[in-house]
Amino acid sequence: MPLYKSISVNSQTTVKIWKIDESFGDLFQPLDLKPESLERVNGMKSELHQCGFLSVRHLLREFGYTDQDLFYDENGKPHLKDGKHISITHSFNFSGVIISNAEVGIDIEKQRQKIGIIAKKFVDYEFDYLNTRSEDYVRKLTVIWCVKESLYKLFATPGMLFKEHFLVIPFMLKDEETVAWIDYNDRKYRYNTAYLEFEGFTCAYVIP
């Protein structure tokens, strides 16, 4: 399938989402992968992960980049050779890329009941406004997870903890935006956050 969704966040920031319904061969054939990428994709045991990896390279092409333009630092954070900022995500049959002139982060997650089981591992302050008996509890938890994962990808600093250092301001699902904070090493950082839902998935992205 071609591009699933494209979002113009602002004049400097764009999000693109891919829905994977192609075979590995169909995704692989048109791409020109550098040797380390080829080694990486061939080493993946799951075809789902292989297709996710390849679909991200198709999203790069949608932006006008190739696999050769992408590299990773020692913390595993992706970068583009032209200096623009990029963040990447993949969940089941969806992948997403955000590119901007500013630091950014993105995450896509499937909405699943089991997130309620691990909520205490990544939620603290947010329990003050969450209703665990609400029918939208899982959807709200998934938004919070996606926001915090996006913040973690943006900051890419070992030692940061979702529960202790990231905070998501109260929101209603219909708002499709909120504010998030990082409180780390006696410094506070504020980020604008947007989120959307589609086909049982949630995508969130953050920008300063």
C-alpha atoms as a PDB file:
ATOM      1  CA  MET A   1       0.000   0.000   0.000  1.00  0.00           C
ATOM      2  CA  PRO A   2       1.246   3.495  -0.655  1.00  0.00           C
ATOM      3  CA  LEU A   3       1.397   6.197   2.002  1.00  0.00           C
ATOM      4  CA  TYR A   4      -1.416   5.812   4.564  1.00  0.00           C
ATOM      5  CA  LYS A   5      -1.405   9.300   6.063  1.00  0.00           C
ATOM      6  CA  SER A   6       0.589  12.532   5.819  1.00  0.00           C
ATOM      7  CA  ILE A   7       0.288  15.303   8.403  1.00  0.00           C
ATOM      8  CA  SER A   8       1.711  18.781   8.019  1.00  0.00           C
ATOM      9  CA  VAL A   9       2.338  19.673  11.670  1.00  0.00           C
ATOM     10  CA  ASN A  10       3.768  23.092  10.830  1.00  0.00           C
ATOM     11  CA  SER A  11       5.881  24.679   8.094  1.00  0.00           C
ATOM     12  CA  GLN A  12       8.968  22.837   9.348  1.00  0.00           C
ATOM     13  CA  THR A  13       7.533  19.507  10.534  1.00  0.00           C
ATOM     14  CA  THR A  14       5.822  16.618   8.714  1.00  0.00           C
ATOM     15  CA  VAL A  15       4.558  13.208   9.851  1.00  0.00           C
ATOM     16  CA  LYS A  16       4.083  10.332   7.424  1.00  0.00           C
ATOM     17  CA  ILE A  17       2.496   6.964   8.265  1.00  0.00           C
ATOM     18  CA  TRP A  18       2.695   3.736   6.244  1.00  0.00           C
ATOM     19  CA  LYS A  19       0.262   0.811   6.452  1.00  0.00           C
ATOM     20  CA  ILE A  20       2.099  -2.400   5.675  1.00  0.00           C
ATOM     21  CA  ASP A  21       0.137  -4.806   3.511  1.00  0.00           C
ATOM     22  CA  GLU A  22       2.906  -5.648   1.042  1.00  0.00           C
ATOM     23  CA  SER A  23       5.066  -8.750   1.114  1.00  0.00           C
ATOM     24  CA  PHE A  24       8.704  -8.594   2.146  1.00  0.00           C
ATOM     25  CA  GLY A  25       9.699  -9.013  -1.493  1.00  0.00           C
ATOM     26  CA  ASP A  26       7.503  -6.181  -2.712  1.00  0.00           C
ATOM     27  CA  LEU A  27       8.899  -3.838  -0.040  1.00  0.00           C
ATOM     28  CA  PHE A  28      12.487  -4.928  -0.579  1.00  0.00           C
ATOM     29  CA  GLN A  29      12.673  -4.877  -4.387  1.00  0.00           C
ATOM     30  CA  PRO A  30      12.710  -1.117  -5.091  1.00  0.00           C
ATOM     31  CA  LEU A  31      15.046  -0.171  -2.232  1.00  0.00           C
ATOM     32  CA  ASP A  32      18.792   0.488  -2.328  1.00  0.00           C
ATOM     33  CA  LEU A  33      20.017  -0.450   1.152  1.00  0.00           C
ATOM     34  CA  LYS A  34      23.516   0.241   2.437  1.00  0.00           C
ATOM     35  CA  PRO A  35      25.446  -2.881   3.562  1.00  0.00           C
ATOM     36  CA  GLU A  36      24.816  -2.437   7.305  1.00  0.00           C
ATOM     37  CA  SER A  37      21.067  -2.026   6.699  1.00  0.00           C
ATOM     38  CA  LEU A  38      21.014  -5.128   4.514  1.00  0.00           C
ATOM     39  CA  GLU A  39      22.822  -7.083   7.232  1.00  0.00           C
ATOM     40  CA  ARG A  40      20.425  -5.788   9.846  1.00  0.00           C
ATOM     41  CA  VAL A  41      17.233  -6.656   7.961  1.00  0.00           C
ATOM     42  CA  ASN A  42      18.531 -10.099   6.992  1.00  0.00           C
ATOM     43  CA  GLY A  43      19.318 -10.770  10.659  1.00  0.00           C
ATOM     44  CA  MET A  44      15.744 -10.130  11.805  1.00  0.00           C
ATOM     45  CA  LYS A  45      13.914 -13.339  12.729  1.00  0.00           C
ATOM     46  CA  SER A  46      10.430 -11.913  12.215  1.00  0.00           C
ATOM     47  CA  GLU A  47       9.098 -10.961   8.774  1.00  0.00           C
ATOM     48  CA  LEU A  48       6.871  -8.432  10.562  1.00  0.00           C
ATOM     49  CA  HIS A  49       9.971  -6.621  11.837  1.00  0.00           C
ATOM     50  CA  GLN A  50      11.653  -6.913   8.450  1.00  0.00           C
ATOM     51  CA  CYS A  51       8.640  -5.333   6.760  1.00  0.00           C
ATOM     52  CA  GLY A  52       8.535  -2.615   9.405  1.00  0.00           C
ATOM     53  CA  PHE A  53      12.190  -1.817   8.778  1.00  0.00           C
ATOM     54  CA  LEU A  54      11.667  -1.687   5.018  1.00  0.00           C
ATOM     55  CA  SER A  55       8.475   0.375   5.235  1.00  0.00           C
ATOM     56  CA  VAL A  56      10.415   3.044   7.147  1.00  0.00           C
ATOM     57  CA  ARG A  57      12.807   3.224   4.173  1.00  0.00           C
ATOM     58  CA  HIS A  58       9.808   3.728   1.897  1.00  0.00           C
ATOM     59  CA  LEU A  59       8.690   6.583   4.143  1.00  0.00           C
ATOM     60  CA  LEU A  60      12.169   8.089   3.811  1.00  0.00           C
ATOM     61  CA  ARG A  61      11.673   8.011   0.044  1.00  0.00           C
ATOM     62  CA  GLU A  62       8.377   9.851   0.486  1.00  0.00           C
ATOM     63  CA  PHE A  63      10.394  12.609   2.163  1.00  0.00           C
ATOM     64  CA  GLY A  64      12.993  12.593  -0.621  1.00  0.00           C
ATOM     65  CA  TYR A  65      15.666  10.690   1.341  1.00  0.00           C
ATOM     66  CA  THR A  66      17.301   7.299   0.913  1.00  0.00           C
ATOM     67  CA  ASP A  67      18.665   4.734   3.339  1.00  0.00           C
ATOM     68  CA  GLN A  68      22.111   6.260   2.769  1.00  0.00           C
ATOM     69  CA  ASP A  69      20.911   9.534   4.319  1.00  0.00           C
ATOM     70  CA  LEU A  70      20.083   7.880   7.665  1.00  0.00           C
ATOM     71  CA  PHE A  71      22.498   6.999  10.462  1.00  0.00           C
ATOM     72  CA  TYR A  72      22.297   6.211  14.194  1.00  0.00           C
ATOM     73  CA  ASP A  73      24.327   7.536  17.120  1.00  0.00           C
ATOM     74  CA  GLU A  74      25.704   5.586  20.088  1.00  0.00           C
ATOM     75  CA  ASN A  75      22.352   5.800  21.892  1.00  0.00           C
ATOM     76  CA  GLY A  76      20.481   4.380  18.924  1.00  0.00           C
ATOM     77  CA  LYS A  77      18.917   7.689  17.966  1.00  0.00           C
ATOM     78  CA  PRO A  78      18.419   8.187  14.217  1.00  0.00           C
ATOM     79  CA  HIS A  79      19.835  11.212  12.396  1.00  0.00           C
ATOM     80  CA  LEU A  80      19.792  12.583   8.863  1.00  0.00           C
ATOM     81  CA  LYS A  81      22.984  13.649   7.139  1.00  0.00           C
ATOM     82  CA  ASP A  82      21.544  17.042   6.175  1.00  0.00           C
ATOM     83  CA  GLY A  83      21.060  17.937   9.850  1.00  0.00           C
ATOM     84  CA  LYS A  84      17.269  17.740   9.966  1.00  0.00           C
ATOM     85  CA  HIS A  85      15.770  15.913  12.933  1.00  0.00           C
ATOM     86  CA  ILE A  86      14.026  12.573  12.530  1.00  0.00           C
ATOM     87  CA  SER A  87      12.180  10.077  14.698  1.00  0.00           C
ATOM     88  CA  ILE A  88      10.978   6.623  13.658  1.00  0.00           C
ATOM     89  CA  THR A  89       8.366   4.170  14.933  1.00  0.00           C
ATOM     90  CA  HIS A  90       6.928   0.778  13.972  1.00  0.00           C
ATOM     91  CA  SER A  91       4.095  -1.268  15.493  1.00  0.00           C
ATOM     92  CA  PHE A  92       2.653  -4.369  13.846  1.00  0.00           C
ATOM     93  CA  ASN A  93       1.436  -3.258  10.385  1.00  0.00           C
ATOM     94  CA  PHE A  94       2.013   0.473  10.795  1.00  0.00           C
ATOM     95  CA  SER A  95       5.168   2.542  10.713  1.00  0.00           C
ATOM     96  CA  GLY A  96       5.726   6.265  11.043  1.00  0.00           C
ATOM     97  CA  VAL A  97       8.386   8.915  10.509  1.00  0.00           C
ATOM     98  CA  ILE A  98       8.489  12.532  11.641  1.00  0.00           C
ATOM     99  CA  ILE A  99      11.019  14.973  10.191  1.00  0.00           C
ATOM    100  CA  SER A 100      11.533  18.545  11.373  1.00  0.00           C
ATOM    101  CA  ASN A 101      13.983  21.402  11.759  1.00  0.00           C
ATOM    102  CA  ALA A 102      13.514  20.953  15.541  1.00  0.00           C
ATOM    103  CA  GLU A 103      14.034  17.986  17.868  1.00  0.00           C
ATOM    104  CA  VAL A 104      11.067  15.606  17.563  1.00  0.00           C
ATOM    105  CA  GLY A 105       9.794  12.221  18.704  1.00  0.00           C
ATOM    106  CA  ILE A 106       7.081   9.852  17.451  1.00  0.00           C
ATOM    107  CA  ASP A 107       5.515   6.577  18.552  1.00  0.00           C
ATOM    108  CA  ILE A 108       2.769   4.255  17.299  1.00  0.00           C
ATOM    109  CA  GLU A 109       1.248   1.564  19.513  1.00  0.00           C
ATOM    110  CA  LYS A 110      -1.591  -0.910  19.149  1.00  0.00           C
ATOM    111  CA  GLN A 111      -4.393  -0.342  21.662  1.00  0.00           C
ATOM    112  CA  ARG A 112      -4.447  -3.453  23.869  1.00  0.00           C
ATOM    113  CA  GLN A 113      -6.053  -4.275  27.196  1.00  0.00           C
ATOM    114  CA  LYS A 114      -2.772  -5.538  28.658  1.00  0.00           C
ATOM    115  CA  ILE A 115      -1.466  -1.968  28.893  1.00  0.00           C
ATOM    116  CA  GLY A 116      -3.604  -1.686  32.037  1.00  0.00           C
ATOM    117  CA  ILE A 117      -1.499  -4.400  33.656  1.00  0.00           C
ATOM    118  CA  ILE A 118       1.742  -2.435  33.235  1.00  0.00           C
ATOM    119  CA  ALA A 119       0.248   1.030  33.843  1.00  0.00           C
ATOM    120  CA  LYS A 120       1.896   1.389  37.255  1.00  0.00           C
ATOM    121  CA  LYS A 121       5.293   1.051  35.594  1.00  0.00           C
ATOM    122  CA  PHE A 122       4.925   4.202  33.487  1.00  0.00           C
ATOM    123  CA  VAL A 123       2.102   6.222  35.092  1.00  0.00           C
ATOM    124  CA  ASP A 124       2.305   8.292  38.284  1.00  0.00           C
ATOM    125  CA  TYR A 125       0.854  11.816  38.190  1.00  0.00           C
ATOM    126  CA  GLU A 126      -1.531  10.828  35.390  1.00  0.00           C
ATOM    127  CA  PHE A 127      -3.491   8.520  37.721  1.00  0.00           C
ATOM    128  CA  ASP A 128      -4.896  11.709  39.289  1.00  0.00           C
ATOM    129  CA  TYR A 129      -7.049  12.276  36.214  1.00  0.00           C
ATOM    130  CA  LEU A 130      -7.451   8.759  34.811  1.00  0.00           C
ATOM    131  CA  ASN A 131     -10.620   6.775  35.528  1.00  0.00           C
ATOM    132  CA  THR A 132      -9.642   3.106  35.586  1.00  0.00           C
ATOM    133  CA  ARG A 133     -13.269   2.084  35.072  1.00  0.00           C
ATOM    134  CA  SER A 134     -13.855   4.322  32.088  1.00  0.00           C
ATOM    135  CA  GLU A 135     -14.419   2.694  28.709  1.00  0.00           C
ATOM    136  CA  ASP A 136     -11.684   4.911  27.262  1.00  0.00           C
ATOM    137  CA  TYR A 137      -9.122   3.973  29.940  1.00  0.00           C
ATOM    138  CA  VAL A 138      -7.037   1.791  27.588  1.00  0.00           C
ATOM    139  CA  ARG A 139      -7.117   4.416  24.846  1.00  0.00           C
ATOM    140  CA  LYS A 140      -5.966   7.138  27.251  1.00  0.00           C
ATOM    141  CA  LEU A 141      -3.223   4.931  28.667  1.00  0.00           C
ATOM    142  CA  THR A 142      -2.033   4.252  25.132  1.00  0.00           C
ATOM    143  CA  VAL A 143      -1.871   7.983  24.413  1.00  0.00           C
ATOM    144  CA  ILE A 144       0.177   8.517  27.585  1.00  0.00           C
ATOM    145  CA  TRP A 145       2.535   5.684  26.676  1.00  0.00           C
ATOM    146  CA  CYS A 146       2.980   7.005  23.124  1.00  0.00           C
ATOM    147  CA  VAL A 147       3.674  10.527  24.391  1.00  0.00           C
ATOM    148  CA  LYS A 148       6.248   9.324  26.904  1.00  0.00           C
ATOM    149  CA  GLU A 149       7.889   7.017  24.378  1.00  0.00           C
ATOM    150  CA  SER A 150       8.079   9.954  21.957  1.00  0.00           C
ATOM    151  CA  LEU A 151       9.722  12.095  24.636  1.00  0.00           C
ATOM    152  CA  TYR A 152      12.196   9.332  25.391  1.00  0.00           C
ATOM    153  CA  LYS A 153      13.118   9.042  21.713  1.00  0.00           C
ATOM    154  CA  LEU A 154      13.540  12.805  21.426  1.00  0.00           C
ATOM    155  CA  PHE A 155      15.764  13.118  24.479  1.00  0.00           C
ATOM    156  CA  ALA A 156      17.645   9.830  23.974  1.00  0.00           C
ATOM    157  CA  THR A 157      19.264  10.044  27.396  1.00  0.00           C
ATOM    158  CA  PRO A 158      20.049   6.802  29.271  1.00  0.00           C
ATOM    159  CA  GLY A 159      18.648   6.847  32.801  1.00  0.00           C
ATOM    160  CA  MET A 160      15.394   8.624  32.038  1.00  0.00           C
ATOM    161  CA  LEU A 161      12.314   6.855  33.425  1.00  0.00           C
ATOM    162  CA  PHE A 162       8.763   7.178  32.079  1.00  0.00           C
ATOM    163  CA  LYS A 163       7.186   7.198  35.525  1.00  0.00           C
ATOM    164  CA  GLU A 164       9.600   9.517  37.293  1.00  0.00           C
ATOM    165  CA  HIS A 165      10.722  12.022  34.680  1.00  0.00           C
ATOM    166  CA  PHE A 166       7.857  12.368  32.159  1.00  0.00           C
ATOM    167  CA  LEU A 167       4.501  14.001  32.837  1.00  0.00           C
ATOM    168  CA  VAL A 168       1.444  14.303  30.574  1.00  0.00           C
ATOM    169  CA  ILE A 169      -1.044  17.096  31.307  1.00  0.00           C
ATOM    170  CA  PRO A 170      -4.771  16.090  31.542  1.00  0.00           C
ATOM    171  CA  PHE A 171      -6.475  15.720  28.172  1.00  0.00           C
ATOM    172  CA  MET A 172      -9.661  14.539  26.494  1.00  0.00           C
ATOM    173  CA  LEU A 173      -9.344  12.133  23.588  1.00  0.00           C
ATOM    174  CA  LYS A 174     -11.315  14.430  21.306  1.00  0.00           C
ATOM    175  CA  ASP A 175      -8.752  17.228  21.846  1.00  0.00           C
ATOM    176  CA  GLU A 176      -6.042  15.305  19.963  1.00  0.00           C
ATOM    177  CA  GLU A 177      -3.396  17.422  21.679  1.00  0.00           C
ATOM    178  CA  THR A 178      -1.943  18.105  25.108  1.00  0.00           C
ATOM    179  CA  VAL A 179       1.252  19.296  26.791  1.00  0.00           C
ATOM    180  CA  ALA A 180       3.980  17.121  28.265  1.00  0.00           C
ATOM    181  CA  TRP A 181       6.896  17.901  30.545  1.00  0.00           C
ATOM    182  CA  ILE A 182      10.257  16.356  31.259  1.00  0.00           C
ATOM    183  CA  ASP A 183      11.545  16.953  34.777  1.00  0.00           C
ATOM    184  CA  TYR A 184      15.102  15.682  34.834  1.00  0.00           C
ATOM    185  CA  ASN A 185      18.276  16.669  36.694  1.00  0.00           C
ATOM    186  CA  ASP A 186      16.558  19.715  38.242  1.00  0.00           C
ATOM    187  CA  ARG A 187      15.560  21.060  34.833  1.00  0.00           C
ATOM    188  CA  LYS A 188      12.120  21.183  33.223  1.00  0.00           C
ATOM    189  CA  TYR A 189      11.367  20.959  29.512  1.00  0.00           C
ATOM    190  CA  ARG A 190       7.947  21.627  27.942  1.00  0.00           C
ATOM    191  CA  TYR A 191       6.715  19.925  24.778  1.00  0.00           C
ATOM    192  CA  ASN A 192       3.647  20.266  22.598  1.00  0.00           C
ATOM    193  CA  THR A 193       2.033  16.924  21.912  1.00  0.00           C
ATOM    194  CA  ALA A 194      -0.461  15.728  19.325  1.00  0.00           C
ATOM    195  CA  TYR A 195      -2.030  12.314  18.908  1.00  0.00           C
ATOM    196  CA  LEU A 196      -4.412  10.493  16.590  1.00  0.00           C
ATOM    197  CA  GLU A 197      -6.168   7.134  16.502  1.00  0.00           C
ATOM    198  CA  PHE A 198      -6.735   4.832  13.531  1.00  0.00           C
ATOM    199  CA  GLU A 199      -7.705   1.179  13.071  1.00  0.00           C
ATOM    200  CA  GLY A 200      -7.128   0.334  16.741  1.00  0.00           C
ATOM    201  CA  PHE A 201      -3.750   2.098  16.893  1.00  0.00           C
ATOM    202  CA  THR A 202      -2.555   5.325  18.524  1.00  0.00           C
ATOM    203  CA  CYS A 203       0.145   7.627  17.202  1.00  0.00           C
ATOM    204  CA  ALA A 204       1.620  10.499  19.198  1.00  0.00           C
ATOM    205  CA  TYR A 205       4.360  12.952  18.360  1.00  0.00           C
ATOM    206  CA  VAL A 206       6.107  15.696  20.327  1.00  0.00           C
ATOM    207  CA  ILE A 207       7.859  18.914  19.387  1.00  0.00           C
ATOM    208  CA  PRO A 208       9.387  21.604  21.658  1.00  0.00           C
END
